[in-house]
Amino acid sequence: MITLYTTHCPKCRTLEKNLQKKGIPYTTSENLDKLVRAGFSSAPMLEVAEGQFLNFKEAWGWINQQ
């Protein structure tokens, strides 16, 4: 399951709209503690597999390749 970690900032909303546009099923999470534990300090982050996180730029590219 794909999870978008979000603070509802403009970049977060952009990724969410692109996921919807592409019809990619996902869930959202505001639990940023998991990101901090994984060593990240910003959102949005897209978790495409267990423990595989993509930052905004990487996530944008990944979504567009789907």
PDB file of N, CA and C in Angstrom:
ATOM      1  N   MET A   1       0.847  -1.182   0.000  1.00  0.00           N
ATOM      2  CA  MET A   1       0.000   0.000   0.000  1.00  0.00           C
ATOM      3  C   MET A   1       0.889   1.239   0.000  1.00  0.00           C
ATOM      4  N   ILE A   2       0.530   2.180  -0.803  1.00  0.00           N
ATOM      5  CA  ILE A   2       1.274   3.429  -0.922  1.00  0.00           C
ATOM      6  C   ILE A   2       0.735   4.411   0.113  1.00  0.00           C
ATOM      7  N   THR A   3       1.647   5.084   0.805  1.00  0.00           N
ATOM      8  CA  THR A   3       1.248   6.050   1.821  1.00  0.00           C
ATOM      9  C   THR A   3       1.906   7.390   1.532  1.00  0.00           C
ATOM     10  N   LEU A   4       1.086   8.421   1.520  1.00  0.00           N
ATOM     11  CA  LEU A   4       1.576   9.792   1.376  1.00  0.00           C
ATOM     12  C   LEU A   4       1.614  10.415   2.762  1.00  0.00           C
ATOM     13  N   TYR A   5       2.821  10.723   3.231  1.00  0.00           N
ATOM     14  CA  TYR A   5       2.978  11.422   4.507  1.00  0.00           C
ATOM     15  C   TYR A   5       2.880  12.907   4.209  1.00  0.00           C
ATOM     16  N   THR A   6       1.926  13.557   4.842  1.00  0.00           N
ATOM     17  CA  THR A   6       1.562  14.906   4.439  1.00  0.00           C
ATOM     18  C   THR A   6       1.386  15.857   5.615  1.00  0.00           C
ATOM     19  N   THR A   7       1.665  17.115   5.330  1.00  0.00           N
ATOM     20  CA  THR A   7       1.329  18.201   6.250  1.00  0.00           C
ATOM     21  C   THR A   7       0.282  19.102   5.596  1.00  0.00           C
ATOM     22  N   HIS A   8      -0.195  18.673   4.430  1.00  0.00           N
ATOM     23  CA  HIS A   8      -1.196  19.409   3.636  1.00  0.00           C
ATOM     24  C   HIS A   8      -0.632  20.713   3.072  1.00  0.00           C
ATOM     25  N   CYS A   9       0.680  20.750   2.886  1.00  0.00           N
ATOM     26  CA  CYS A   9       1.322  21.911   2.268  1.00  0.00           C
ATOM     27  C   CYS A   9       1.065  21.867   0.754  1.00  0.00           C
ATOM     28  N   PRO A  10       1.434  22.914   0.026  1.00  0.00           N
ATOM     29  CA  PRO A  10       1.216  22.905  -1.426  1.00  0.00           C
ATOM     30  C   PRO A  10       1.866  21.714  -2.147  1.00  0.00           C
ATOM     31  N   LYS A  11       3.085  21.347  -1.770  1.00  0.00           N
ATOM     32  CA  LYS A  11       3.727  20.200  -2.403  1.00  0.00           C
ATOM     33  C   LYS A  11       2.974  18.906  -2.087  1.00  0.00           C
ATOM     34  N   CYS A  12       2.505  18.774  -0.852  1.00  0.00           N
ATOM     35  CA  CYS A  12       1.736  17.596  -0.456  1.00  0.00           C
ATOM     36  C   CYS A  12       0.465  17.498  -1.298  1.00  0.00           C
ATOM     37  N   ARG A  13      -0.224  18.610  -1.445  1.00  0.00           N
ATOM     38  CA  ARG A  13      -1.469  18.617  -2.229  1.00  0.00           C
ATOM     39  C   ARG A  13      -1.196  18.317  -3.698  1.00  0.00           C
ATOM     40  N   THR A  14      -0.065  18.778  -4.224  1.00  0.00           N
ATOM     41  CA  THR A  14       0.296  18.496  -5.609  1.00  0.00           C
ATOM     42  C   THR A  14       0.484  16.997  -5.824  1.00  0.00           C
ATOM     43  N   LEU A  15       1.205  16.341  -4.929  1.00  0.00           N
ATOM     44  CA  LEU A  15       1.392  14.898  -5.053  1.00  0.00           C
ATOM     45  C   LEU A  15       0.058  14.172  -4.936  1.00  0.00           C
ATOM     46  N   GLU A  16      -0.771  14.604  -3.997  1.00  0.00           N
ATOM     47  CA  GLU A  16      -2.070  13.950  -3.807  1.00  0.00           C
ATOM     48  C   GLU A  16      -2.930  14.076  -5.066  1.00  0.00           C
ATOM     49  N   LYS A  17      -2.970  15.238  -5.660  1.00  0.00           N
ATOM     50  CA  LYS A  17      -3.747  15.435  -6.891  1.00  0.00           C
ATOM     51  C   LYS A  17      -3.209  14.565  -8.018  1.00  0.00           C
ATOM     52  N   ASN A  18      -1.885  14.444  -8.117  1.00  0.00           N
ATOM     53  CA  ASN A  18      -1.288  13.634  -9.171  1.00  0.00           C
ATOM     54  C   ASN A  18      -1.576  12.145  -8.953  1.00  0.00           C
ATOM     55  N   LEU A  19      -1.548  11.685  -7.707  1.00  0.00           N
ATOM     56  CA  LEU A  19      -1.907  10.298  -7.411  1.00  0.00           C
ATOM     57  C   LEU A  19      -3.352  10.027  -7.830  1.00  0.00           C
ATOM     58  N   GLN A  20      -4.241  10.958  -7.506  1.00  0.00           N
ATOM     59  CA  GLN A  20      -5.652  10.804  -7.867  1.00  0.00           C
ATOM     60  C   GLN A  20      -5.824  10.802  -9.383  1.00  0.00           C
ATOM     61  N   LYS A  21      -5.150  11.713 -10.056  1.00  0.00           N
ATOM     62  CA  LYS A  21      -5.240  11.834 -11.515  1.00  0.00           C
ATOM     63  C   LYS A  21      -4.814  10.535 -12.200  1.00  0.00           C
ATOM     64  N   LYS A  22      -3.774   9.903 -11.665  1.00  0.00           N
ATOM     65  CA  LYS A  22      -3.265   8.661 -12.235  1.00  0.00           C
ATOM     66  C   LYS A  22      -4.052   7.432 -11.775  1.00  0.00           C
ATOM     67  N   GLY A  23      -4.973   7.616 -10.825  1.00  0.00           N
ATOM     68  CA  GLY A  23      -5.773   6.494 -10.325  1.00  0.00           C
ATOM     69  C   GLY A  23      -4.980   5.532  -9.466  1.00  0.00           C
ATOM     70  N   ILE A  24      -3.946   6.028  -8.818  1.00  0.00           N
ATOM     71  CA  ILE A  24      -3.094   5.193  -7.965  1.00  0.00           C
ATOM     72  C   ILE A  24      -3.702   5.152  -6.561  1.00  0.00           C
ATOM     73  N   PRO A  25      -4.055   3.965  -6.078  1.00  0.00           N
ATOM     74  CA  PRO A  25      -4.611   3.876  -4.724  1.00  0.00           C
ATOM     75  C   PRO A  25      -3.544   4.202  -3.677  1.00  0.00           C
ATOM     76  N   TYR A  26      -3.926   4.968  -2.663  1.00  0.00           N
ATOM     77  CA  TYR A  26      -2.988   5.380  -1.618  1.00  0.00           C
ATOM     78  C   TYR A  26      -3.769   5.746  -0.368  1.00  0.00           C
ATOM     79  N   THR A  27      -3.052   5.856   0.707  1.00  0.00           N
ATOM     80  CA  THR A  27      -3.607   6.393   1.944  1.00  0.00           C
ATOM     81  C   THR A  27      -2.759   7.594   2.327  1.00  0.00           C
ATOM     82  N   THR A  28      -3.304   8.444   3.174  1.00  0.00           N
ATOM     83  CA  THR A  28      -2.526   9.568   3.680  1.00  0.00           C
ATOM     84  C   THR A  28      -2.283   9.367   5.168  1.00  0.00           C
ATOM     85  N   SER A  29      -1.213   9.946   5.627  1.00  0.00           N
ATOM     86  CA  SER A  29      -0.880   9.887   7.045  1.00  0.00           C
ATOM     87  C   SER A  29      -0.273  11.220   7.465  1.00  0.00           C
ATOM     88  N   GLU A  30      -0.697  11.676   8.613  1.00  0.00           N
ATOM     89  CA  GLU A  30      -0.110  12.876   9.213  1.00  0.00           C
ATOM     90  C   GLU A  30       0.858  12.498  10.332  1.00  0.00           C
ATOM     91  N   ASN A  31       1.096  11.204  10.497  1.00  0.00           N
ATOM     92  CA  ASN A  31       1.998  10.699  11.526  1.00  0.00           C
ATOM     93  C   ASN A  31       3.439  10.850  11.044  1.00  0.00           C
ATOM     94  N   LEU A  32       4.004  11.991  11.309  1.00  0.00           N
ATOM     95  CA  LEU A  32       5.357  12.273  10.840  1.00  0.00           C
ATOM     96  C   LEU A  32       6.425  11.641  11.726  1.00  0.00           C
ATOM     97  N   ASP A  33       6.018  11.051  12.850  1.00  0.00           N
ATOM     98  CA  ASP A  33       6.978  10.377  13.722  1.00  0.00           C
ATOM     99  C   ASP A  33       7.693   9.248  12.984  1.00  0.00           C
ATOM    100  N   LYS A  34       6.957   8.536  12.122  1.00  0.00           N
ATOM    101  CA  LYS A  34       7.571   7.449  11.355  1.00  0.00           C
ATOM    102  C   LYS A  34       8.665   7.993  10.440  1.00  0.00           C
ATOM    103  N   LEU A  35       8.423   9.154   9.849  1.00  0.00           N
ATOM    104  CA  LEU A  35       9.431   9.763   8.992  1.00  0.00           C
ATOM    105  C   LEU A  35      10.668  10.148   9.786  1.00  0.00           C
ATOM    106  N   VAL A  36      10.457  10.726  10.953  1.00  0.00           N
ATOM    107  CA  VAL A  36      11.575  11.130  11.810  1.00  0.00           C
ATOM    108  C   VAL A  36      12.396   9.903  12.208  1.00  0.00           C
ATOM    109  N   ARG A  37      11.709   8.816  12.584  1.00  0.00           N
ATOM    110  CA  ARG A  37      12.412   7.584  12.962  1.00  0.00           C
ATOM    111  C   ARG A  37      13.209   7.017  11.778  1.00  0.00           C
ATOM    112  N   ALA A  38      12.717   7.262  10.554  1.00  0.00           N
ATOM    113  CA  ALA A  38      13.419   6.775   9.359  1.00  0.00           C
ATOM    114  C   ALA A  38      14.534   7.731   8.913  1.00  0.00           C
ATOM    115  N   GLY A  39      14.683   8.849   9.627  1.00  0.00           N
ATOM    116  CA  GLY A  39      15.778   9.776   9.342  1.00  0.00           C
ATOM    117  C   GLY A  39      15.420  10.940   8.436  1.00  0.00           C
ATOM    118  N   PHE A  40      14.128  11.168   8.219  1.00  0.00           N
ATOM    119  CA  PHE A  40      13.700  12.276   7.372  1.00  0.00           C
ATOM    120  C   PHE A  40      13.195  13.425   8.221  1.00  0.00           C
ATOM    121  N   SER A  41      13.310  14.632   7.661  1.00  0.00           N
ATOM    122  CA  SER A  41      12.898  15.796   8.442  1.00  0.00           C
ATOM    123  C   SER A  41      11.908  16.693   7.718  1.00  0.00           C
ATOM    124  N   SER A  42      11.377  16.216   6.582  1.00  0.00           N
ATOM    125  CA  SER A  42      10.429  17.061   5.860  1.00  0.00           C
ATOM    126  C   SER A  42       9.369  16.213   5.173  1.00  0.00           C
ATOM    127  N   ALA A  43       8.308  16.848   4.811  1.00  0.00           N
ATOM    128  CA  ALA A  43       7.221  16.218   4.069  1.00  0.00           C
ATOM    129  C   ALA A  43       6.962  17.094   2.852  1.00  0.00           C
ATOM    130  N   PRO A  44       6.402  16.566   1.817  1.00  0.00           N
ATOM    131  CA  PRO A  44       5.811  15.235   1.720  1.00  0.00           C
ATOM    132  C   PRO A  44       6.856  14.157   1.452  1.00  0.00           C
ATOM    133  N   MET A  45       6.493  12.959   1.851  1.00  0.00           N
ATOM    134  CA  MET A  45       7.258  11.767   1.527  1.00  0.00           C
ATOM    135  C   MET A  45       6.244  10.724   1.090  1.00  0.00           C
ATOM    136  N   LEU A  46       6.598   9.975   0.088  1.00  0.00           N
ATOM    137  CA  LEU A  46       5.731   8.926  -0.422  1.00  0.00           C
ATOM    138  C   LEU A  46       6.396   7.595  -0.135  1.00  0.00           C
ATOM    139  N   GLU A  47       5.705   6.735   0.604  1.00  0.00           N
ATOM    140  CA  GLU A  47       6.220   5.393   0.891  1.00  0.00           C
ATOM    141  C   GLU A  47       5.592   4.448  -0.127  1.00  0.00           C
ATOM    142  N   VAL A  48       6.410   3.950  -1.053  1.00  0.00           N
ATOM    143  CA  VAL A  48       5.894   3.112  -2.129  1.00  0.00           C
ATOM    144  C   VAL A  48       6.039   1.623  -1.835  1.00  0.00           C
ATOM    145  N   ALA A  49       6.841   1.280  -0.873  1.00  0.00           N
ATOM    146  CA  ALA A  49       7.002  -0.079  -0.372  1.00  0.00           C
ATOM    147  C   ALA A  49       7.447   0.061   1.082  1.00  0.00           C
ATOM    148  N   GLU A  50       7.293  -0.999   1.836  1.00  0.00           N
ATOM    149  CA  GLU A  50       7.661  -0.930   3.250  1.00  0.00           C
ATOM    150  C   GLU A  50       9.094  -0.443   3.401  1.00  0.00           C
ATOM    151  N   GLY A  51       9.246   0.762   3.972  1.00  0.00           N
ATOM    152  CA  GLY A  51      10.559   1.327   4.214  1.00  0.00           C
ATOM    153  C   GLY A  51      11.206   2.005   3.012  1.00  0.00           C
ATOM    154  N   GLN A  52      10.514   2.056   1.873  1.00  0.00           N
ATOM    155  CA  GLN A  52      11.069   2.730   0.687  1.00  0.00           C
ATOM    156  C   GLN A  52      10.352   4.060   0.519  1.00  0.00           C
ATOM    157  N   PHE A  53      11.046   5.123   0.927  1.00  0.00           N
ATOM    158  CA  PHE A  53      10.479   6.471   0.916  1.00  0.00           C
ATOM    159  C   PHE A  53      11.034   7.280  -0.249  1.00  0.00           C
ATOM    160  N   LEU A  54      10.167   8.090  -0.855  1.00  0.00           N
ATOM    161  CA  LEU A  54      10.571   8.987  -1.923  1.00  0.00           C
ATOM    162  C   LEU A  54      10.271  10.423  -1.520  1.00  0.00           C
ATOM    163  N   ASN A  55      11.228  11.323  -1.748  1.00  0.00           N
ATOM    164  CA  ASN A  55      10.973  12.732  -1.461  1.00  0.00           C
ATOM    165  C   ASN A  55      10.082  13.301  -2.574  1.00  0.00           C
ATOM    166  N   PHE A  56       9.783  14.579  -2.543  1.00  0.00           N
ATOM    167  CA  PHE A  56       8.855  15.169  -3.504  1.00  0.00           C
ATOM    168  C   PHE A  56       9.287  14.931  -4.947  1.00  0.00           C
ATOM    169  N   LYS A  57      10.536  15.239  -5.255  1.00  0.00           N
ATOM    170  CA  LYS A  57      11.030  15.108  -6.630  1.00  0.00           C
ATOM    171  C   LYS A  57      10.993  13.652  -7.092  1.00  0.00           C
ATOM    172  N   GLU A  58      11.458  12.751  -6.239  1.00  0.00           N
ATOM    173  CA  GLU A  58      11.449  11.332  -6.579  1.00  0.00           C
ATOM    174  C   GLU A  58      10.021  10.815  -6.728  1.00  0.00           C
ATOM    175  N   ALA A  59       9.144  11.248  -5.834  1.00  0.00           N
ATOM    176  CA  ALA A  59       7.745  10.812  -5.874  1.00  0.00           C
ATOM    177  C   ALA A  59       7.067  11.311  -7.136  1.00  0.00           C
ATOM    178  N   TRP A  60       7.343  12.553  -7.524  1.00  0.00           N
ATOM    179  CA  TRP A  60       6.762  13.118  -8.744  1.00  0.00           C
ATOM    180  C   TRP A  60       7.143  12.253  -9.946  1.00  0.00           C
ATOM    181  N   GLY A  61       8.421  11.904 -10.039  1.00  0.00           N
ATOM    182  CA  GLY A  61       8.889  11.060 -11.131  1.00  0.00           C
ATOM    183  C   GLY A  61       8.266   9.672 -11.090  1.00  0.00           C
ATOM    184  N   TRP A  62       8.186   9.081  -9.907  1.00  0.00           N
ATOM    185  CA  TRP A  62       7.618   7.744  -9.756  1.00  0.00           C
ATOM    186  C   TRP A  62       6.156   7.732 -10.181  1.00  0.00           C
ATOM    187  N   ILE A  63       5.394   8.706  -9.716  1.00  0.00           N
ATOM    188  CA  ILE A  63       3.962   8.782 -10.052  1.00  0.00           C
ATOM    189  C   ILE A  63       3.796   8.921 -11.565  1.00  0.00           C
ATOM    190  N   ASN A  64       4.579   9.776 -12.179  1.00  0.00           N
ATOM    191  CA  ASN A  64       4.448  10.008 -13.619  1.00  0.00           C
ATOM    192  C   ASN A  64       4.845   8.810 -14.458  1.00  0.00           C
ATOM    193  N   GLN A  65       5.628   7.887 -13.885  1.00  0.00           N
ATOM    194  CA  GLN A  65       6.004   6.673 -14.605  1.00  0.00           C
ATOM    195  C   GLN A  65       4.948   5.581 -14.503  1.00  0.00           C
ATOM    196  N   GLN A  66       3.982   5.760 -13.642  1.00  0.00           N
ATOM    197  CA  GLN A  66       2.946   4.739 -13.446  1.00  0.00           C
ATOM    198  C   GLN A  66       1.903   4.813 -14.533  1.00  0.00           C
TER     199      GLN A  66
END
